[in-house]
Amino acid sequence: MIYCKWCKLGIQVTQIIFLSATIAGCGYTTRSMISDKYRTIYVTPFENKIDVTQEAYSANRYRIYRPTLETDITRSVNNKFLTDGNLKPIKEESADLILKGELVEFRRDPLRYTESDEVEEYRINIVVNLVLYDRKENAQVWQENNFTGDTTYFTTGSLAKSEDTATNDALSDLARRIVERTVEQW
């Protein structure tokens, strides 16, 4: 009889500990970590700061110029904020936050070659500089230089993609990272 009472007590203690741990949780939430005072954002049109007149050398030979990429970045970031829902994109004069960005680099680097020395896989990097301002307090919230969105793609085989499709994937990755950096604050 004594053994059964101790077993019953042990089970009850275990249940209480489990219930307490379940109620307390681990602290994970899907809510934004951004302050409640920020509800809206204005994304200024990204500026293209890629210097197309620069002479090519070994460190920058994979830099390329893609017309209207800065416009595509602005649109992708605004769409991602709309999808995310934590900050509503609105006009500058009414916004709580202002995000300013500039495109500083677009690269297409070869990653893998075929036996005949043709490029089989590329990595696309879109690099921007960002500054987030609190419009009402006229203060900088954060700044990030060389913030990158990227993707890889194959040129042949069943996993092949076009460069345009891969660029759109890199744009999506960049926009996702920008929104996460803005709303997560970590």
Protein backbone atom coordinates (compact mmCIF):
# COMPACT_ATOMS: atom_id res chain seq x y z
CA MET A 1 0.00 0.00 0.00
CA ILE A 2 2.79 2.44 0.81
CA TYR A 3 4.31 1.87 -2.63
CA CYS A 4 1.02 2.76 -4.42
CA LYS A 5 0.61 5.99 -2.41
CA TRP A 6 4.13 7.10 -3.39
CA CYS A 7 3.50 6.18 -7.03
CA LYS A 8 0.26 8.14 -7.05
CA LEU A 9 1.99 11.14 -5.45
CA GLY A 10 4.83 10.93 -8.00
CA ILE A 11 2.35 10.89 -10.89
CA GLN A 12 0.52 13.91 -9.46
CA VAL A 13 3.78 15.85 -9.04
CA THR A 14 4.78 14.97 -12.60
CA GLN A 15 1.41 16.14 -13.91
CA ILE A 16 1.69 19.44 -12.00
CA ILE A 17 5.20 20.06 -13.37
CA PHE A 18 4.08 19.23 -16.91
CA LEU A 19 1.01 21.47 -16.61
CA SER A 20 3.09 24.33 -15.23
CA ALA A 21 5.62 24.03 -18.03
CA THR A 22 2.85 23.92 -20.63
CA ILE A 23 1.14 27.01 -19.25
CA ALA A 24 4.39 28.94 -18.94
CA GLY A 25 5.45 28.05 -22.48
CA CYS A 26 8.87 28.72 -23.88
CA GLY A 27 8.36 32.37 -24.70
CA TYR A 28 7.91 31.94 -28.45
CA THR A 29 5.32 34.13 -30.10
CA THR A 30 4.30 34.99 -33.64
CA ARG A 31 3.62 38.59 -32.60
CA SER A 32 5.90 41.33 -33.75
CA MET A 33 8.61 42.52 -31.38
CA ILE A 34 8.27 46.07 -32.68
CA SER A 35 6.99 48.74 -30.30
CA ASP A 36 3.24 49.34 -30.17
CA LYS A 37 3.80 52.99 -31.06
CA TYR A 38 4.69 51.95 -34.62
CA ARG A 39 1.75 50.99 -36.81
CA THR A 40 2.66 52.40 -40.23
CA ILE A 41 5.67 52.65 -42.51
CA TYR A 42 6.65 54.51 -45.65
CA VAL A 43 9.20 52.85 -47.93
CA THR A 44 11.02 55.50 -49.95
CA PRO A 45 11.81 54.49 -53.51
CA PHE A 46 15.15 52.69 -53.44
CA GLU A 47 17.99 54.52 -55.17
CA ASN A 48 20.31 52.74 -57.57
CA LYS A 49 23.89 53.46 -56.41
CA ILE A 50 25.57 50.87 -58.63
CA ASP A 51 28.41 52.53 -60.49
CA VAL A 52 28.17 51.18 -64.03
CA THR A 53 31.18 53.23 -65.16
CA GLN A 54 33.59 51.47 -62.82
CA GLU A 55 36.32 49.49 -64.51
CA ALA A 56 36.11 45.71 -64.17
CA TYR A 57 38.72 43.88 -62.13
CA SER A 58 38.87 40.47 -60.48
CA ALA A 59 36.96 41.43 -57.31
CA ASN A 60 34.01 42.98 -59.14
CA ARG A 61 33.89 41.10 -62.43
CA TYR A 62 30.58 39.43 -61.55
CA ARG A 63 28.79 42.69 -60.77
CA ILE A 64 26.17 43.42 -63.34
CA TYR A 65 23.62 46.13 -63.95
CA ARG A 66 19.94 45.31 -64.15
CA PRO A 67 17.64 48.17 -65.22
CA THR A 68 14.73 49.05 -62.87
CA LEU A 69 15.94 46.68 -60.16
CA GLU A 70 15.59 49.46 -57.55
CA THR A 71 11.91 49.83 -58.50
CA ASP A 72 11.42 46.07 -58.18
CA ILE A 73 12.99 46.15 -54.71
CA THR A 74 10.68 48.96 -53.55
CA ARG A 75 7.61 47.11 -54.84
CA SER A 76 8.71 43.79 -53.28
CA VAL A 77 9.37 45.36 -49.87
CA ASN A 78 6.00 47.18 -49.88
CA ASN A 79 4.20 43.97 -50.89
CA LYS A 80 5.98 42.02 -48.12
CA PHE A 81 4.93 44.62 -45.52
CA LEU A 82 1.34 44.30 -46.77
CA THR A 83 1.51 40.51 -46.54
CA ASP A 84 3.18 40.56 -43.10
CA GLY A 85 0.55 42.90 -41.64
CA ASN A 86 2.56 44.24 -38.69
CA LEU A 87 3.25 47.60 -40.33
CA LYS A 88 0.91 49.15 -42.88
CA PRO A 89 2.62 50.91 -45.82
CA ILE A 90 1.16 54.42 -46.23
CA LYS A 91 2.13 57.91 -47.47
CA GLU A 92 5.21 59.54 -46.01
CA GLU A 93 3.48 62.42 -44.22
CA SER A 94 1.34 60.03 -42.12
CA ALA A 95 3.82 57.23 -41.47
CA ASP A 96 5.32 56.36 -38.07
CA LEU A 97 8.47 54.91 -39.67
CA ILE A 98 10.37 55.72 -42.84
CA LEU A 99 12.58 53.10 -44.49
CA LYS A 100 15.23 54.46 -46.85
CA GLY A 101 17.29 52.16 -49.01
CA GLU A 102 19.82 52.16 -51.77
CA LEU A 103 20.85 49.38 -54.12
CA VAL A 104 24.62 49.06 -53.96
CA GLU A 105 25.33 45.77 -55.72
CA PHE A 106 23.79 43.10 -57.93
CA ARG A 107 26.03 40.07 -58.45
CA ARG A 108 25.77 36.82 -60.34
CA ASP A 109 28.55 34.51 -59.20
CA PRO A 110 29.22 31.10 -60.76
CA LEU A 111 29.14 28.29 -58.20
CA ARG A 112 29.42 25.08 -60.19
CA TYR A 113 30.74 24.15 -63.62
CA THR A 114 30.01 21.28 -65.98
CA GLU A 115 32.78 19.02 -67.27
CA SER A 116 32.99 21.23 -70.37
CA ASP A 117 33.63 24.33 -68.18
CA GLU A 118 30.19 25.86 -68.69
CA VAL A 119 28.47 27.39 -65.68
CA GLU A 120 25.90 25.00 -64.26
CA GLU A 121 24.89 26.92 -61.11
CA TYR A 122 24.87 30.61 -60.19
CA ARG A 123 24.24 32.58 -57.00
CA ILE A 124 22.48 35.94 -57.29
CA ASN A 125 23.08 38.51 -54.55
CA ILE A 126 21.15 41.77 -54.22
CA VAL A 127 22.90 44.08 -51.75
CA VAL A 128 21.32 47.20 -50.24
CA ASN A 129 22.03 49.76 -47.54
CA LEU A 130 19.10 50.52 -45.25
CA VAL A 131 18.16 53.16 -42.67
CA LEU A 132 14.95 53.10 -40.62
CA TYR A 133 13.77 56.40 -39.13
CA ASP A 134 11.13 57.26 -36.56
CA ARG A 135 9.40 60.11 -38.39
CA LYS A 136 7.66 61.61 -35.35
CA GLU A 137 10.78 61.72 -33.17
CA ASN A 138 13.05 62.44 -36.15
CA ALA A 139 15.46 59.76 -34.92
CA GLN A 140 17.24 56.84 -36.54
CA VAL A 141 15.95 53.48 -35.29
CA TRP A 142 18.60 51.32 -37.00
CA GLN A 143 20.95 51.20 -39.95
CA GLU A 144 22.21 48.20 -41.92
CA ASN A 145 24.86 48.33 -44.63
CA ASN A 146 25.44 45.53 -47.14
CA PHE A 147 22.12 43.86 -46.32
CA THR A 148 21.76 40.95 -48.74
CA GLY A 149 19.06 38.85 -50.34
CA ASP A 150 20.20 35.88 -52.39
CA THR A 151 19.30 32.72 -54.21
CA THR A 152 21.01 30.04 -56.27
CA TYR A 153 19.83 28.57 -59.53
CA PHE A 154 20.82 25.92 -62.04
CA THR A 155 21.07 26.66 -65.74
CA THR A 156 20.58 23.05 -66.87
CA GLY A 157 18.76 19.93 -65.75
CA SER A 158 15.45 19.40 -64.00
CA LEU A 159 16.16 22.17 -61.46
CA ALA A 160 16.94 24.79 -64.13
CA LYS A 161 15.50 28.30 -63.74
CA SER A 162 15.76 31.41 -65.83
CA GLU A 163 17.81 34.32 -64.52
CA ASP A 164 14.61 36.40 -64.27
CA THR A 165 12.95 33.79 -62.07
CA ALA A 166 16.06 33.54 -59.89
CA THR A 167 16.22 37.35 -59.61
CA ASN A 168 12.59 37.39 -58.44
CA ASP A 169 13.48 34.74 -55.84
CA ALA A 170 16.38 36.90 -54.62
CA LEU A 171 14.05 39.92 -54.47
CA SER A 172 11.58 37.92 -52.37
CA ASP A 173 14.37 36.81 -50.05
CA LEU A 174 15.62 40.38 -49.68
CA ALA A 175 12.13 41.75 -48.99
CA ARG A 176 11.47 39.01 -46.41
CA ARG A 177 14.73 39.78 -44.61
CA ILE A 178 14.05 43.53 -44.62
CA VAL A 179 10.58 43.07 -43.13
CA GLU A 180 11.88 40.60 -40.53
CA ARG A 181 14.68 43.00 -39.57
CA THR A 182 12.14 45.80 -39.20
CA VAL A 183 9.46 44.01 -37.18
CA GLU A 184 11.47 41.48 -35.20
CA GLN A 185 14.08 43.86 -33.74
CA TRP A 186 16.50 40.95 -33.01
